Amino acid sequence: QLISTLQQVIRCLKERREDTEKVRQVEYLEMSNERLALREALGQSEIVVKDAEEYSGQLEQRLEAALHWRQQVEEQVQQQCGENETLHKHLGILKTALDMSPSATPS
């Protein structure tokens, strides 16, 4: 009976060892899956960051173009204002000359 009991103990120990090994394998697979998931998430994050950087660069280019356009418009407005002032002065001179001419008739 002692031999039978020892055989049962040995069987139990073998089963426990096998169970422990299975648990280790499952834990290893779970860790591997977690690592793969983390790598995939990291890869996706890198793609998102890259896309964001590209979009940011596009926005910077658009902003620079808009600022350049604004500067051109401001220069054109200043030029037009200067031309308008010159025309206004010339009109004032012409009006004065017309008012002073002998052929001017009162209105």
C-alpha atoms as a PDB file:
ATOM      1  CA  GLN A   1       0.000   0.000   0.000  1.00  0.00           C
ATOM      2  CA  LEU A   2       2.944   2.292   0.602  1.00  0.00           C
ATOM      3  CA  ILE A   3       4.054   1.755  -2.986  1.00  0.00           C
ATOM      4  CA  SER A   4       0.562   2.586  -4.206  1.00  0.00           C
ATOM      5  CA  THR A   5       0.517   5.775  -2.163  1.00  0.00           C
ATOM      6  CA  LEU A   6       3.947   6.777  -3.445  1.00  0.00           C
ATOM      7  CA  GLN A   7       2.800   6.135  -7.015  1.00  0.00           C
ATOM      8  CA  GLN A   8      -0.220   8.386  -6.435  1.00  0.00           C
ATOM      9  CA  VAL A   9       1.992  11.098  -4.975  1.00  0.00           C
ATOM     10  CA  ILE A  10       4.340  10.835  -7.971  1.00  0.00           C
ATOM     11  CA  ARG A  11       1.351  11.032 -10.371  1.00  0.00           C
ATOM     12  CA  CYS A  12       0.038  14.093  -8.551  1.00  0.00           C
ATOM     13  CA  LEU A  13       3.446  15.761  -8.680  1.00  0.00           C
ATOM     14  CA  LYS A  14       3.748  15.060 -12.403  1.00  0.00           C
ATOM     15  CA  GLU A  15       0.263  16.481 -12.998  1.00  0.00           C
ATOM     16  CA  ARG A  16       1.129  19.546 -10.960  1.00  0.00           C
ATOM     17  CA  ARG A  17       4.351  19.999 -12.901  1.00  0.00           C
ATOM     18  CA  GLU A  18       2.436  19.690 -16.173  1.00  0.00           C
ATOM     19  CA  ASP A  19      -0.213  22.143 -14.929  1.00  0.00           C
ATOM     20  CA  THR A  20       2.494  24.560 -13.834  1.00  0.00           C
ATOM     21  CA  GLU A  21       4.151  24.272 -17.237  1.00  0.00           C
ATOM     22  CA  LYS A  22       0.806  24.923 -18.977  1.00  0.00           C
ATOM     23  CA  VAL A  23       0.231  27.976 -16.782  1.00  0.00           C
ATOM     24  CA  ARG A  24       3.694  29.277 -17.674  1.00  0.00           C
ATOM     25  CA  GLN A  25       3.007  28.755 -21.365  1.00  0.00           C
ATOM     26  CA  VAL A  26      -0.318  30.599 -21.107  1.00  0.00           C
ATOM     27  CA  GLU A  27       1.337  33.440 -19.195  1.00  0.00           C
ATOM     28  CA  TYR A  28       4.098  33.619 -21.806  1.00  0.00           C
ATOM     29  CA  LEU A  29       1.532  33.740 -24.616  1.00  0.00           C
ATOM     30  CA  GLU A  30      -0.434  36.430 -22.806  1.00  0.00           C
ATOM     31  CA  MET A  31       2.725  38.483 -22.344  1.00  0.00           C
ATOM     32  CA  SER A  32       3.623  37.967 -25.997  1.00  0.00           C
ATOM     33  CA  ASN A  33       0.125  39.063 -27.043  1.00  0.00           C
ATOM     34  CA  GLU A  34       0.369  42.127 -24.799  1.00  0.00           C
ATOM     35  CA  ARG A  35       3.752  42.989 -26.281  1.00  0.00           C
ATOM     36  CA  LEU A  36       2.387  42.579 -29.796  1.00  0.00           C
ATOM     37  CA  ALA A  37      -0.602  44.734 -28.924  1.00  0.00           C
ATOM     38  CA  LEU A  38       1.692  47.373 -27.451  1.00  0.00           C
ATOM     39  CA  ARG A  39       3.935  47.288 -30.512  1.00  0.00           C
ATOM     40  CA  GLU A  40       0.915  47.645 -32.770  1.00  0.00           C
ATOM     41  CA  ALA A  41      -0.433  50.516 -30.680  1.00  0.00           C
ATOM     42  CA  LEU A  42       2.984  52.158 -30.755  1.00  0.00           C
ATOM     43  CA  GLY A  43       3.119  51.752 -34.516  1.00  0.00           C
ATOM     44  CA  GLN A  44      -0.324  53.308 -34.864  1.00  0.00           C
ATOM     45  CA  SER A  45       0.736  56.152 -32.574  1.00  0.00           C
ATOM     46  CA  GLU A  46       3.812  56.753 -34.689  1.00  0.00           C
ATOM     47  CA  ILE A  47       1.649  56.896 -37.804  1.00  0.00           C
ATOM     48  CA  VAL A  48      -0.713  59.365 -36.116  1.00  0.00           C
ATOM     49  CA  VAL A  49       2.214  61.526 -35.017  1.00  0.00           C
ATOM     50  CA  LYS A  50       3.699  61.439 -38.512  1.00  0.00           C
ATOM     51  CA  ASP A  51       0.346  62.419 -40.048  1.00  0.00           C
ATOM     52  CA  ALA A  52      -0.027  65.216 -37.498  1.00  0.00           C
ATOM     53  CA  GLU A  53       3.469  66.504 -38.297  1.00  0.00           C
ATOM     54  CA  GLU A  54       2.712  66.478 -42.025  1.00  0.00           C
ATOM     55  CA  TYR A  55      -0.598  68.295 -41.463  1.00  0.00           C
ATOM     56  CA  SER A  56       1.150  70.790 -39.213  1.00  0.00           C
ATOM     57  CA  GLY A  57       3.684  71.431 -41.968  1.00  0.00           C
ATOM     58  CA  GLN A  58       0.881  71.979 -44.455  1.00  0.00           C
ATOM     59  CA  LEU A  59      -0.783  74.423 -42.079  1.00  0.00           C
ATOM     60  CA  GLU A  60       2.493  76.305 -41.650  1.00  0.00           C
ATOM     61  CA  GLN A  61       2.838  76.603 -45.426  1.00  0.00           C
ATOM     62  CA  ARG A  62      -0.743  77.857 -45.720  1.00  0.00           C
ATOM     63  CA  LEU A  63      -0.143  80.374 -42.933  1.00  0.00           C
ATOM     64  CA  GLU A  64       3.019  81.637 -44.625  1.00  0.00           C
ATOM     65  CA  ALA A  65       1.155  81.963 -47.922  1.00  0.00           C
ATOM     66  CA  ALA A  66      -1.703  83.815 -46.195  1.00  0.00           C
ATOM     67  CA  LEU A  67       0.726  86.174 -44.457  1.00  0.00           C
ATOM     68  CA  HIS A  68       2.498  86.836 -47.762  1.00  0.00           C
ATOM     69  CA  TRP A  69      -0.841  87.530 -49.479  1.00  0.00           C
ATOM     70  CA  ARG A  70      -1.847  89.861 -46.621  1.00  0.00           C
ATOM     71  CA  GLN A  71       1.429  91.763 -46.950  1.00  0.00           C
ATOM     72  CA  GLN A  72       0.861  92.169 -50.685  1.00  0.00           C
ATOM     73  CA  VAL A  73      -2.680  93.432 -50.093  1.00  0.00           C
ATOM     74  CA  GLU A  74      -1.465  95.905 -47.468  1.00  0.00           C
ATOM     75  CA  GLU A  75       1.203  97.181 -49.875  1.00  0.00           C
ATOM     76  CA  GLN A  76      -1.397  97.560 -52.639  1.00  0.00           C
ATOM     77  CA  VAL A  77      -3.733  99.420 -50.270  1.00  0.00           C
ATOM     78  CA  GLN A  78      -0.923 101.766 -49.215  1.00  0.00           C
ATOM     79  CA  GLN A  79       0.005 102.338 -52.856  1.00  0.00           C
ATOM     80  CA  GLN A  80      -3.646 102.991 -53.741  1.00  0.00           C
ATOM     81  CA  CYS A  81      -3.998 105.405 -50.820  1.00  0.00           C
ATOM     82  CA  GLY A  82      -0.915 107.271 -51.996  1.00  0.00           C
ATOM     83  CA  GLU A  83      -2.304 107.439 -55.531  1.00  0.00           C
ATOM     84  CA  ASN A  84      -5.662 108.617 -54.168  1.00  0.00           C
ATOM     85  CA  GLU A  85      -3.952 111.377 -52.158  1.00  0.00           C
ATOM     86  CA  THR A  86      -2.033 112.490 -55.254  1.00  0.00           C
ATOM     87  CA  LEU A  87      -5.225 112.496 -57.341  1.00  0.00           C
ATOM     88  CA  HIS A  88      -7.016 114.442 -54.609  1.00  0.00           C
ATOM     89  CA  LYS A  89      -4.232 117.051 -54.582  1.00  0.00           C
ATOM     90  CA  HIS A  90      -4.315 117.309 -58.389  1.00  0.00           C
ATOM     91  CA  LEU A  91      -8.097 117.669 -58.340  1.00  0.00           C
ATOM     92  CA  GLY A  92      -7.761 120.408 -55.723  1.00  0.00           C
ATOM     93  CA  ILE A  93      -5.223 122.214 -57.893  1.00  0.00           C
ATOM     94  CA  LEU A  94      -7.442 121.856 -60.975  1.00  0.00           C
ATOM     95  CA  LYS A  95     -10.478 123.084 -59.042  1.00  0.00           C
ATOM     96  CA  THR A  96      -8.543 126.075 -57.780  1.00  0.00           C
ATOM     97  CA  ALA A  97      -7.290 126.797 -61.290  1.00  0.00           C
ATOM     98  CA  LEU A  98     -10.797 126.489 -62.707  1.00  0.00           C
ATOM     99  CA  ASP A  99     -12.222 128.707 -59.978  1.00  0.00           C
ATOM    100  CA  MET A 100      -9.604 131.339 -60.737  1.00  0.00           C
ATOM    101  CA  SER A 101      -9.978 131.231 -64.526  1.00  0.00           C
ATOM    102  CA  PRO A 102     -11.871 134.141 -66.112  1.00  0.00           C
ATOM    103  CA  SER A 103     -14.194 131.818 -67.973  1.00  0.00           C
ATOM    104  CA  ALA A 104     -15.467 130.281 -64.724  1.00  0.00           C
ATOM    105  CA  THR A 105     -19.136 130.824 -64.259  1.00  0.00           C
ATOM    106  CA  PRO A 106     -20.738 130.818 -60.845  1.00  0.00           C
ATOM    107  CA  SER A 107     -22.736 127.734 -60.193  1.00  0.00           C
END
